[in-house]
């Protein structure tokens, strides 16, 4: 637990057990085969939409028209991608985006982590990075929508269900 508290503190580099480092947007991981992977966070919006679609397919999300995905990325306040870099190859392993009023509120959408790297703390790192970016822009109210099976994950990150008894409402086309 100390690792996560220190990971997002004001210190620039954090090391635990000599195997993990976080320096701004870089998280170093070493696996058992002695090949080194780097986990890199990016806020670059120019993503390969097919690569993003493959990531979403890997977790079983329904396909969405690429033209609409492209527009969603363009209109988002923040786009965060998480990459595994091994040797000269990179692979998209995580993604999140947020919309915002650019002053007070932001809503996080489309959080996805590739199944082959889940349960390793990378989803938590992706969310902490996203929150840190929003907070650095002085966004104080951060919301998200979560499927029931991931509510506990977000709860462990400090999100609360309906904190003031306000019930959200939704309108969907028939």
N, C-alpha and C. Protein backbone atom coordinates (compact mmCIF):
# COMPACT_ATOMS: atom_id res chain seq x y z
N UNK A 1 0.81 -1.19 0.00
CA UNK A 1 0.00 0.00 0.00
C UNK A 1 0.86 1.26 0.00
N UNK A 2 2.00 1.20 0.65
CA UNK A 2 2.91 2.35 0.68
C UNK A 2 3.33 2.73 -0.74
N UNK A 3 3.51 1.73 -1.60
CA UNK A 3 3.91 1.99 -2.98
C UNK A 3 2.94 2.94 -3.66
N UNK A 4 1.62 2.68 -3.55
CA UNK A 4 0.65 3.51 -4.24
C UNK A 4 0.58 4.89 -3.65
N UNK A 5 0.73 5.02 -2.33
CA UNK A 5 0.73 6.34 -1.72
C UNK A 5 1.93 7.14 -2.22
N UNK A 6 3.08 6.49 -2.32
CA UNK A 6 4.29 7.18 -2.78
C UNK A 6 4.27 7.36 -4.29
N UNK A 7 3.63 6.46 -5.00
CA UNK A 7 3.62 6.51 -6.46
C UNK A 7 3.07 7.84 -6.97
N UNK A 8 2.05 8.34 -6.33
CA UNK A 8 1.43 9.55 -6.81
C UNK A 8 1.64 10.73 -5.89
N UNK A 9 2.67 10.65 -5.05
CA UNK A 9 3.03 11.79 -4.23
C UNK A 9 3.83 12.76 -5.08
N UNK A 10 4.38 13.78 -4.48
CA UNK A 10 5.12 14.79 -5.24
C UNK A 10 6.51 14.35 -5.65
N UNK A 11 7.00 13.23 -5.14
CA UNK A 11 8.34 12.79 -5.52
C UNK A 11 8.34 12.36 -6.98
N UNK A 12 9.47 12.56 -7.62
CA UNK A 12 9.54 12.29 -9.05
C UNK A 12 9.70 10.82 -9.37
N UNK A 13 10.49 10.09 -8.60
CA UNK A 13 10.74 8.69 -8.89
C UNK A 13 10.51 7.86 -7.65
N UNK A 14 9.84 6.73 -7.83
CA UNK A 14 9.58 5.83 -6.73
C UNK A 14 10.10 4.46 -7.13
N UNK A 15 10.80 3.79 -6.22
CA UNK A 15 11.29 2.46 -6.50
C UNK A 15 10.83 1.53 -5.39
N UNK A 16 10.34 0.35 -5.77
CA UNK A 16 10.00 -0.66 -4.79
C UNK A 16 10.66 -1.96 -5.20
N UNK A 17 11.27 -2.63 -4.27
CA UNK A 17 11.90 -3.93 -4.51
C UNK A 17 12.89 -3.90 -5.67
N UNK A 18 13.32 -2.73 -6.05
CA UNK A 18 14.29 -2.61 -7.14
C UNK A 18 13.75 -2.96 -8.50
N UNK A 19 12.44 -3.23 -8.63
CA UNK A 19 11.93 -3.66 -9.92
C UNK A 19 10.93 -2.70 -10.56
N UNK A 20 10.41 -1.79 -9.79
CA UNK A 20 9.37 -0.92 -10.34
C UNK A 20 9.76 0.53 -10.15
N UNK A 21 9.66 1.32 -11.21
CA UNK A 21 9.92 2.74 -11.11
C UNK A 21 8.81 3.49 -11.82
N UNK A 22 8.46 4.62 -11.29
CA UNK A 22 7.51 5.51 -11.95
C UNK A 22 8.18 6.86 -12.02
N UNK A 23 8.34 7.37 -13.21
CA UNK A 23 8.97 8.67 -13.39
C UNK A 23 8.09 9.47 -14.34
N UNK A 24 7.22 10.25 -13.80
CA UNK A 24 6.31 11.03 -14.63
C UNK A 24 5.34 10.14 -15.36
N UNK A 25 5.66 9.77 -16.59
CA UNK A 25 4.75 8.98 -17.39
C UNK A 25 5.32 7.61 -17.72
N UNK A 26 6.28 7.12 -16.94
CA UNK A 26 6.92 5.85 -17.25
C UNK A 26 6.91 4.96 -16.02
N UNK A 27 6.50 3.71 -16.21
CA UNK A 27 6.50 2.72 -15.15
C UNK A 27 7.33 1.54 -15.65
N UNK A 28 8.47 1.26 -15.01
CA UNK A 28 9.37 0.18 -15.43
C UNK A 28 8.99 -1.11 -14.75
N UNK A 29 8.87 -2.18 -15.52
CA UNK A 29 8.58 -3.50 -14.97
C UNK A 29 9.60 -4.50 -15.50
N UNK A 30 10.04 -5.41 -14.66
CA UNK A 30 10.92 -6.49 -15.10
C UNK A 30 10.20 -7.79 -14.83
N UNK A 31 10.12 -8.66 -15.84
CA UNK A 31 9.45 -9.93 -15.61
C UNK A 31 10.47 -11.04 -15.36
N UNK A 32 9.98 -12.25 -15.15
CA UNK A 32 10.84 -13.37 -14.78
C UNK A 32 11.82 -13.78 -15.87
N UNK A 33 11.51 -13.51 -17.13
CA UNK A 33 12.39 -13.94 -18.22
C UNK A 33 13.53 -12.96 -18.46
N UNK A 34 13.67 -11.99 -17.58
CA UNK A 34 14.75 -10.99 -17.64
C UNK A 34 14.64 -10.07 -18.84
N UNK A 35 13.52 -10.10 -19.54
CA UNK A 35 13.31 -9.11 -20.58
C UNK A 35 12.61 -7.94 -19.92
N UNK A 36 12.96 -6.76 -20.30
CA UNK A 36 12.44 -5.59 -19.62
C UNK A 36 11.28 -4.98 -20.41
N UNK A 37 10.22 -4.68 -19.70
CA UNK A 37 9.08 -3.99 -20.28
C UNK A 37 8.99 -2.62 -19.65
N UNK A 38 8.55 -1.67 -20.43
CA UNK A 38 8.25 -0.36 -19.89
C UNK A 38 6.77 -0.13 -20.09
N UNK A 39 6.13 0.41 -19.09
CA UNK A 39 4.74 0.81 -19.21
C UNK A 39 4.76 2.33 -19.34
N UNK A 40 4.22 2.82 -20.44
CA UNK A 40 4.27 4.24 -20.74
C UNK A 40 2.84 4.77 -20.85
N UNK A 41 2.57 5.87 -20.17
CA UNK A 41 1.29 6.55 -20.27
C UNK A 41 1.43 7.69 -21.27
N UNK A 42 0.41 7.90 -22.07
CA UNK A 42 0.43 8.96 -23.06
C UNK A 42 -0.91 9.68 -23.07
N UNK A 43 -0.87 10.97 -23.36
CA UNK A 43 -2.10 11.73 -23.55
C UNK A 43 -2.26 12.14 -25.02
N UNK A 44 -1.50 11.52 -25.88
CA UNK A 44 -1.60 11.76 -27.32
C UNK A 44 -2.95 11.24 -27.82
N UNK A 45 -3.66 12.05 -28.58
CA UNK A 45 -4.99 11.68 -29.06
C UNK A 45 -4.96 10.91 -30.38
N UNK A 46 -3.86 10.93 -31.07
CA UNK A 46 -3.78 10.31 -32.38
C UNK A 46 -3.53 8.81 -32.24
N UNK A 47 -4.56 8.09 -31.82
CA UNK A 47 -4.45 6.64 -31.63
C UNK A 47 -4.87 5.91 -32.89
N UNK A 48 -4.29 4.75 -33.09
CA UNK A 48 -4.73 3.86 -34.15
C UNK A 48 -6.08 3.29 -33.70
N UNK A 49 -7.14 3.66 -34.39
CA UNK A 49 -8.48 3.24 -33.97
C UNK A 49 -8.66 1.73 -34.04
N UNK A 50 -7.97 1.07 -34.94
CA UNK A 50 -8.07 -0.39 -35.03
C UNK A 50 -7.38 -1.05 -33.83
N UNK A 51 -6.29 -0.47 -33.39
CA UNK A 51 -5.61 -0.98 -32.20
C UNK A 51 -6.49 -0.80 -30.96
N UNK A 52 -7.16 0.35 -30.87
CA UNK A 52 -8.08 0.60 -29.77
C UNK A 52 -9.26 -0.38 -29.83
N UNK A 53 -9.75 -0.63 -31.03
CA UNK A 53 -10.86 -1.57 -31.21
C UNK A 53 -10.44 -2.98 -30.78
N UNK A 54 -9.21 -3.38 -31.09
CA UNK A 54 -8.72 -4.70 -30.66
C UNK A 54 -8.66 -4.79 -29.14
N UNK A 55 -8.23 -3.71 -28.48
CA UNK A 55 -8.20 -3.69 -27.02
C UNK A 55 -9.62 -3.86 -26.46
N UNK A 56 -10.56 -3.12 -27.00
CA UNK A 56 -11.95 -3.22 -26.54
C UNK A 56 -12.54 -4.60 -26.83
N UNK A 57 -12.19 -5.18 -27.98
CA UNK A 57 -12.62 -6.54 -28.30
C UNK A 57 -12.09 -7.54 -27.28
N UNK A 58 -10.86 -7.34 -26.84
CA UNK A 58 -10.22 -8.28 -25.91
C UNK A 58 -10.96 -8.38 -24.59
N UNK A 59 -11.65 -7.30 -24.18
CA UNK A 59 -12.41 -7.36 -22.94
C UNK A 59 -13.90 -7.63 -23.18
N UNK A 60 -14.27 -7.84 -24.44
CA UNK A 60 -15.64 -8.22 -24.75
C UNK A 60 -16.62 -7.08 -24.92
N UNK A 61 -16.11 -5.87 -25.16
CA UNK A 61 -17.02 -4.75 -25.38
C UNK A 61 -17.66 -4.85 -26.76
N UNK A 62 -18.87 -4.34 -26.88
CA UNK A 62 -19.54 -4.30 -28.17
C UNK A 62 -18.81 -3.33 -29.09
N UNK A 63 -18.77 -3.67 -30.35
CA UNK A 63 -18.12 -2.79 -31.33
C UNK A 63 -18.91 -1.51 -31.52
N UNK A 64 -18.18 -0.43 -31.72
CA UNK A 64 -18.79 0.86 -31.98
C UNK A 64 -18.25 1.37 -33.32
N UNK A 65 -19.03 2.13 -34.05
CA UNK A 65 -18.54 2.65 -35.33
C UNK A 65 -17.26 3.48 -35.11
N UNK A 66 -16.24 3.21 -35.92
CA UNK A 66 -14.96 3.89 -35.75
C UNK A 66 -15.08 5.40 -35.94
N UNK A 67 -15.96 5.85 -36.81
CA UNK A 67 -16.14 7.30 -37.01
C UNK A 67 -16.63 7.96 -35.73
N UNK A 68 -17.46 7.25 -34.96
CA UNK A 68 -17.97 7.79 -33.70
C UNK A 68 -16.90 7.72 -32.61
N UNK A 69 -16.10 6.67 -32.62
CA UNK A 69 -14.99 6.57 -31.67
C UNK A 69 -14.02 7.71 -31.91
N UNK A 70 -13.70 7.96 -33.18
CA UNK A 70 -12.80 9.05 -33.54
C UNK A 70 -13.35 10.40 -33.04
N UNK A 71 -14.64 10.62 -33.24
CA UNK A 71 -15.25 11.87 -32.78
C UNK A 71 -15.23 11.96 -31.26
N UNK A 72 -15.48 10.85 -30.58
CA UNK A 72 -15.43 10.85 -29.11
C UNK A 72 -14.04 11.22 -28.61
N UNK A 73 -13.00 10.71 -29.27
CA UNK A 73 -11.63 11.05 -28.89
C UNK A 73 -11.36 12.54 -29.12
N UNK A 74 -11.78 13.03 -30.28
CA UNK A 74 -11.56 14.44 -30.60
C UNK A 74 -12.26 15.37 -29.62
N UNK A 75 -13.44 14.98 -29.15
CA UNK A 75 -14.24 15.84 -28.27
C UNK A 75 -13.95 15.62 -26.79
N UNK A 76 -13.12 14.67 -26.47
CA UNK A 76 -12.80 14.41 -25.07
C UNK A 76 -11.86 15.47 -24.53
N UNK A 77 -12.00 15.76 -23.26
CA UNK A 77 -11.12 16.70 -22.57
C UNK A 77 -9.74 16.08 -22.36
N UNK A 78 -9.71 14.79 -22.03
CA UNK A 78 -8.47 14.07 -21.75
C UNK A 78 -8.56 12.67 -22.34
N UNK A 79 -7.51 12.25 -23.00
CA UNK A 79 -7.39 10.89 -23.51
C UNK A 79 -6.10 10.32 -22.95
N UNK A 80 -6.19 9.18 -22.29
CA UNK A 80 -5.01 8.53 -21.71
C UNK A 80 -4.89 7.13 -22.29
N UNK A 81 -3.72 6.82 -22.79
CA UNK A 81 -3.45 5.46 -23.25
C UNK A 81 -2.27 4.91 -22.46
N UNK A 82 -2.28 3.60 -22.28
CA UNK A 82 -1.22 2.93 -21.54
C UNK A 82 -0.60 1.88 -22.47
N UNK A 83 0.71 1.95 -22.61
CA UNK A 83 1.42 1.12 -23.58
C UNK A 83 2.45 0.24 -22.89
N UNK A 84 2.56 -0.99 -23.35
CA UNK A 84 3.66 -1.85 -22.95
C UNK A 84 4.71 -1.74 -24.06
N UNK A 85 5.92 -1.35 -23.68
CA UNK A 85 7.00 -1.22 -24.65
C UNK A 85 8.05 -2.26 -24.27
N UNK A 86 8.30 -3.18 -25.19
CA UNK A 86 9.28 -4.24 -24.98
C UNK A 86 10.18 -4.26 -26.22
N UNK A 87 11.46 -4.06 -26.00
CA UNK A 87 12.41 -3.88 -27.11
C UNK A 87 11.93 -2.72 -27.96
N UNK A 88 11.71 -2.90 -29.23
CA UNK A 88 11.24 -1.81 -30.10
C UNK A 88 9.77 -1.93 -30.43
N UNK A 89 9.06 -2.82 -29.74
CA UNK A 89 7.64 -3.03 -30.02
C UNK A 89 6.79 -2.41 -28.93
N UNK A 90 5.68 -1.83 -29.32
CA UNK A 90 4.77 -1.27 -28.34
C UNK A 90 3.38 -1.88 -28.56
N UNK A 91 2.64 -2.01 -27.46
CA UNK A 91 1.31 -2.61 -27.52
C UNK A 91 0.39 -1.81 -26.60
N UNK A 92 -0.77 -1.44 -27.14
CA UNK A 92 -1.77 -0.73 -26.35
C UNK A 92 -2.39 -1.71 -25.36
N UNK A 93 -2.25 -1.43 -24.06
CA UNK A 93 -2.77 -2.34 -23.04
C UNK A 93 -3.80 -1.67 -22.13
N UNK A 94 -3.99 -0.36 -22.27
CA UNK A 94 -4.96 0.32 -21.43
C UNK A 94 -5.39 1.64 -22.04
N UNK A 95 -6.57 2.08 -21.63
CA UNK A 95 -7.13 3.29 -22.21
C UNK A 95 -8.19 3.86 -21.26
N UNK A 96 -8.29 5.16 -21.22
CA UNK A 96 -9.37 5.86 -20.52
C UNK A 96 -9.51 7.24 -21.16
N UNK A 97 -10.67 7.82 -21.02
CA UNK A 97 -10.86 9.18 -21.51
C UNK A 97 -11.82 9.89 -20.57
N UNK A 98 -11.81 11.23 -20.63
CA UNK A 98 -12.69 12.04 -19.78
C UNK A 98 -13.26 13.19 -20.58
N UNK A 99 -14.50 13.50 -20.29
CA UNK A 99 -15.13 14.71 -20.80
C UNK A 99 -15.19 15.69 -19.63
N UNK A 100 -15.33 16.99 -19.95
CA UNK A 100 -15.28 17.97 -18.87
C UNK A 100 -15.89 19.29 -19.29
N UNK A 101 -16.25 20.08 -18.28
CA UNK A 101 -16.67 21.47 -18.53
C UNK A 101 -15.47 22.41 -18.47
N UNK A 102 -14.27 21.86 -18.32
CA UNK A 102 -13.00 22.59 -18.29
C UNK A 102 -12.83 23.48 -17.07
N UNK A 103 -13.67 23.31 -16.07
CA UNK A 103 -13.56 24.16 -14.88
C UNK A 103 -13.75 23.37 -13.59
N UNK A 104 -14.88 22.72 -13.45
CA UNK A 104 -15.21 22.06 -12.18
C UNK A 104 -15.35 20.55 -12.29
N UNK A 105 -15.94 20.07 -13.37
CA UNK A 105 -16.39 18.68 -13.47
C UNK A 105 -15.75 17.92 -14.61
N UNK A 106 -15.52 16.64 -14.37
CA UNK A 106 -15.08 15.73 -15.42
C UNK A 106 -15.72 14.38 -15.17
N UNK A 107 -16.00 13.68 -16.24
CA UNK A 107 -16.52 12.31 -16.16
C UNK A 107 -15.58 11.40 -16.93
N UNK A 108 -15.15 10.34 -16.28
CA UNK A 108 -14.25 9.37 -16.89
C UNK A 108 -15.09 8.31 -17.61
N UNK A 109 -14.67 7.98 -18.82
CA UNK A 109 -15.37 7.01 -19.67
C UNK A 109 -14.40 5.98 -20.21
N UNK A 110 -14.93 4.86 -20.64
CA UNK A 110 -14.21 3.88 -21.46
C UNK A 110 -12.90 3.40 -20.85
N UNK A 111 -12.89 3.11 -19.56
CA UNK A 111 -11.68 2.58 -18.93
C UNK A 111 -11.55 1.11 -19.30
N UNK A 112 -10.42 0.77 -19.89
CA UNK A 112 -10.21 -0.61 -20.33
C UNK A 112 -8.74 -0.99 -20.14
N UNK A 113 -8.51 -2.19 -19.64
CA UNK A 113 -7.17 -2.75 -19.47
C UNK A 113 -7.18 -4.15 -20.08
N UNK A 114 -6.20 -4.45 -20.90
CA UNK A 114 -6.14 -5.74 -21.58
C UNK A 114 -6.16 -6.88 -20.57
N UNK A 115 -6.93 -7.93 -20.82
CA UNK A 115 -7.04 -9.05 -19.87
C UNK A 115 -5.71 -9.70 -19.51
N UNK A 116 -4.74 -9.68 -20.41
CA UNK A 116 -3.46 -10.34 -20.11
C UNK A 116 -2.63 -9.59 -19.08
N UNK A 117 -2.99 -8.33 -18.79
CA UNK A 117 -2.24 -7.56 -17.79
C UNK A 117 -3.12 -7.10 -16.63
N UNK A 118 -4.34 -7.61 -16.56
CA UNK A 118 -5.21 -7.28 -15.44
C UNK A 118 -4.69 -7.96 -14.17
N UNK A 119 -5.12 -7.45 -13.04
CA UNK A 119 -4.76 -7.99 -11.71
C UNK A 119 -3.28 -7.79 -11.39
N UNK A 120 -2.64 -6.79 -12.02
CA UNK A 120 -1.24 -6.48 -11.76
C UNK A 120 -1.06 -5.04 -11.27
N UNK A 121 -2.15 -4.36 -11.00
CA UNK A 121 -2.07 -2.99 -10.52
C UNK A 121 -2.04 -1.95 -11.63
N UNK A 122 -2.10 -2.38 -12.88
CA UNK A 122 -2.00 -1.43 -13.98
C UNK A 122 -3.30 -0.65 -14.18
N UNK A 123 -4.44 -1.26 -13.91
CA UNK A 123 -5.70 -0.53 -13.97
C UNK A 123 -5.73 0.58 -12.94
N UNK A 124 -5.23 0.26 -11.76
CA UNK A 124 -5.15 1.26 -10.70
C UNK A 124 -4.18 2.38 -11.10
N UNK A 125 -3.06 2.02 -11.69
CA UNK A 125 -2.10 3.02 -12.15
C UNK A 125 -2.70 3.90 -13.24
N UNK A 126 -3.45 3.30 -14.16
CA UNK A 126 -4.11 4.06 -15.23
C UNK A 126 -5.11 5.06 -14.64
N UNK A 127 -5.90 4.61 -13.69
CA UNK A 127 -6.89 5.50 -13.06
C UNK A 127 -6.21 6.60 -12.25
N UNK A 128 -5.18 6.26 -11.50
CA UNK A 128 -4.47 7.27 -10.71
C UNK A 128 -3.83 8.31 -11.62
N UNK A 129 -3.27 7.86 -12.74
CA UNK A 129 -2.67 8.79 -13.69
C UNK A 129 -3.75 9.72 -14.27
N UNK A 130 -4.89 9.16 -14.64
CA UNK A 130 -5.98 9.94 -15.20
C UNK A 130 -6.48 10.97 -14.19
N UNK A 131 -6.68 10.54 -12.95
CA UNK A 131 -7.14 11.45 -11.90
C UNK A 131 -6.10 12.54 -11.65
N UNK A 132 -4.84 12.16 -11.62
CA UNK A 132 -3.78 13.14 -11.39
C UNK A 132 -3.77 14.20 -12.50
N UNK A 133 -3.96 13.79 -13.74
CA UNK A 133 -4.01 14.74 -14.85
C UNK A 133 -5.21 15.69 -14.69
N UNK A 134 -6.36 15.15 -14.33
CA UNK A 134 -7.54 16.00 -14.14
C UNK A 134 -7.34 16.96 -12.98
N UNK A 135 -6.81 16.47 -11.88
CA UNK A 135 -6.57 17.32 -10.70
C UNK A 135 -5.53 18.39 -11.00
N UNK A 136 -4.55 18.09 -11.87
CA UNK A 136 -3.55 19.10 -12.20
C UNK A 136 -4.16 20.26 -12.98
N UNK A 137 -5.33 20.04 -13.57
CA UNK A 137 -6.07 21.11 -14.25
C UNK A 137 -7.13 21.72 -13.33
N UNK A 138 -7.04 21.42 -12.04
CA UNK A 138 -7.93 21.95 -11.01
C UNK A 138 -9.37 21.49 -11.16
N UNK A 139 -9.57 20.32 -11.77
CA UNK A 139 -10.89 19.71 -11.83
C UNK A 139 -11.13 19.06 -10.47
N UNK A 140 -12.17 19.46 -9.77
CA UNK A 140 -12.38 18.97 -8.40
C UNK A 140 -13.46 17.91 -8.28
N UNK A 141 -14.36 17.82 -9.22
CA UNK A 141 -15.45 16.85 -9.17
C UNK A 141 -15.27 15.84 -10.30
N UNK A 142 -14.88 14.63 -9.97
CA UNK A 142 -14.62 13.60 -10.98
C UNK A 142 -15.63 12.48 -10.78
N UNK A 143 -16.37 12.17 -11.83
CA UNK A 143 -17.38 11.12 -11.79
C UNK A 143 -17.07 10.07 -12.84
N UNK A 144 -17.77 8.95 -12.74
CA UNK A 144 -17.68 7.91 -13.76
C UNK A 144 -18.90 7.03 -13.67
N UNK A 145 -19.12 6.27 -14.69
CA UNK A 145 -20.17 5.26 -14.70
C UNK A 145 -19.46 3.91 -14.74
N UNK A 146 -19.93 2.97 -13.92
CA UNK A 146 -19.26 1.68 -13.82
C UNK A 146 -20.28 0.55 -13.89
N UNK A 147 -19.92 -0.50 -14.60
CA UNK A 147 -20.73 -1.71 -14.59
C UNK A 147 -20.66 -2.32 -13.19
N UNK A 148 -21.72 -3.02 -12.77
CA UNK A 148 -21.76 -3.56 -11.41
C UNK A 148 -20.54 -4.41 -11.03
N UNK A 149 -19.98 -5.15 -11.97
CA UNK A 149 -18.87 -6.05 -11.62
C UNK A 149 -17.54 -5.32 -11.38
N UNK A 150 -17.47 -4.02 -11.64
CA UNK A 150 -16.22 -3.27 -11.38
C UNK A 150 -16.40 -2.16 -10.34
N UNK A 151 -17.56 -2.08 -9.74
CA UNK A 151 -17.82 -1.04 -8.74
C UNK A 151 -16.81 -1.12 -7.59
N UNK A 152 -16.51 -2.32 -7.11
CA UNK A 152 -15.56 -2.47 -6.00
C UNK A 152 -14.17 -1.96 -6.37
N UNK A 153 -13.76 -2.17 -7.62
CA UNK A 153 -12.46 -1.65 -8.08
C UNK A 153 -12.42 -0.13 -7.91
N UNK A 154 -13.45 0.56 -8.35
CA UNK A 154 -13.48 2.02 -8.25
C UNK A 154 -13.65 2.48 -6.81
N UNK A 155 -14.37 1.71 -6.03
CA UNK A 155 -14.54 2.04 -4.60
C UNK A 155 -13.17 2.04 -3.91
N UNK A 156 -12.32 1.07 -4.24
CA UNK A 156 -10.98 1.00 -3.64
C UNK A 156 -10.11 2.19 -4.05
N UNK A 157 -10.48 2.86 -5.12
CA UNK A 157 -9.74 4.05 -5.56
C UNK A 157 -10.30 5.33 -4.97
N UNK A 158 -11.33 5.22 -4.14
CA UNK A 158 -11.88 6.39 -3.48
C UNK A 158 -13.20 6.90 -4.03
N UNK A 159 -13.71 6.27 -5.08
CA UNK A 159 -15.01 6.67 -5.61
C UNK A 159 -16.09 6.14 -4.68
N UNK A 160 -17.16 6.90 -4.54
CA UNK A 160 -18.27 6.50 -3.68
C UNK A 160 -19.55 6.47 -4.50
N UNK A 161 -20.46 5.61 -4.10
CA UNK A 161 -21.75 5.53 -4.76
C UNK A 161 -22.66 6.63 -4.22
N UNK A 162 -23.20 7.43 -5.09
CA UNK A 162 -24.26 8.35 -4.75
C UNK A 162 -24.03 9.06 -3.40
N UNK A 163 -22.95 9.85 -3.27
CA UNK A 163 -22.53 10.37 -1.97
C UNK A 163 -23.55 11.23 -1.24
N UNK A 164 -24.42 11.93 -1.95
CA UNK A 164 -25.37 12.80 -1.29
C UNK A 164 -26.82 12.38 -1.54
N UNK A 165 -27.00 11.13 -1.91
CA UNK A 165 -28.34 10.63 -2.15
C UNK A 165 -28.96 11.15 -3.44
N UNK A 166 -28.15 11.73 -4.29
CA UNK A 166 -28.64 12.24 -5.57
C UNK A 166 -28.78 11.06 -6.52
N UNK A 167 -29.89 10.93 -7.13
CA UNK A 167 -30.11 9.83 -8.06
C UNK A 167 -29.91 10.34 -9.47
N UNK A 168 -28.99 9.72 -10.17
CA UNK A 168 -28.77 10.09 -11.56
C UNK A 168 -29.95 9.65 -12.41
N UNK A 169 -30.16 10.37 -13.47
CA UNK A 169 -31.23 10.02 -14.40
C UNK A 169 -30.64 9.92 -15.80
N UNK A 170 -31.25 9.10 -16.61
CA UNK A 170 -30.75 8.84 -17.94
C UNK A 170 -31.89 8.90 -18.94
N UNK A 171 -31.60 9.38 -20.12
CA UNK A 171 -32.55 9.35 -21.21
C UNK A 171 -31.92 8.54 -22.33
N UNK A 172 -32.64 7.55 -22.81
CA UNK A 172 -32.16 6.72 -23.92
C UNK A 172 -33.19 6.76 -25.02
N UNK A 173 -32.77 6.74 -26.28
CA UNK A 173 -33.75 6.68 -27.36
C UNK A 173 -34.46 5.32 -27.35
N UNK A 174 -35.71 5.31 -27.80
CA UNK A 174 -36.48 4.05 -27.84
C UNK A 174 -35.98 3.13 -28.90
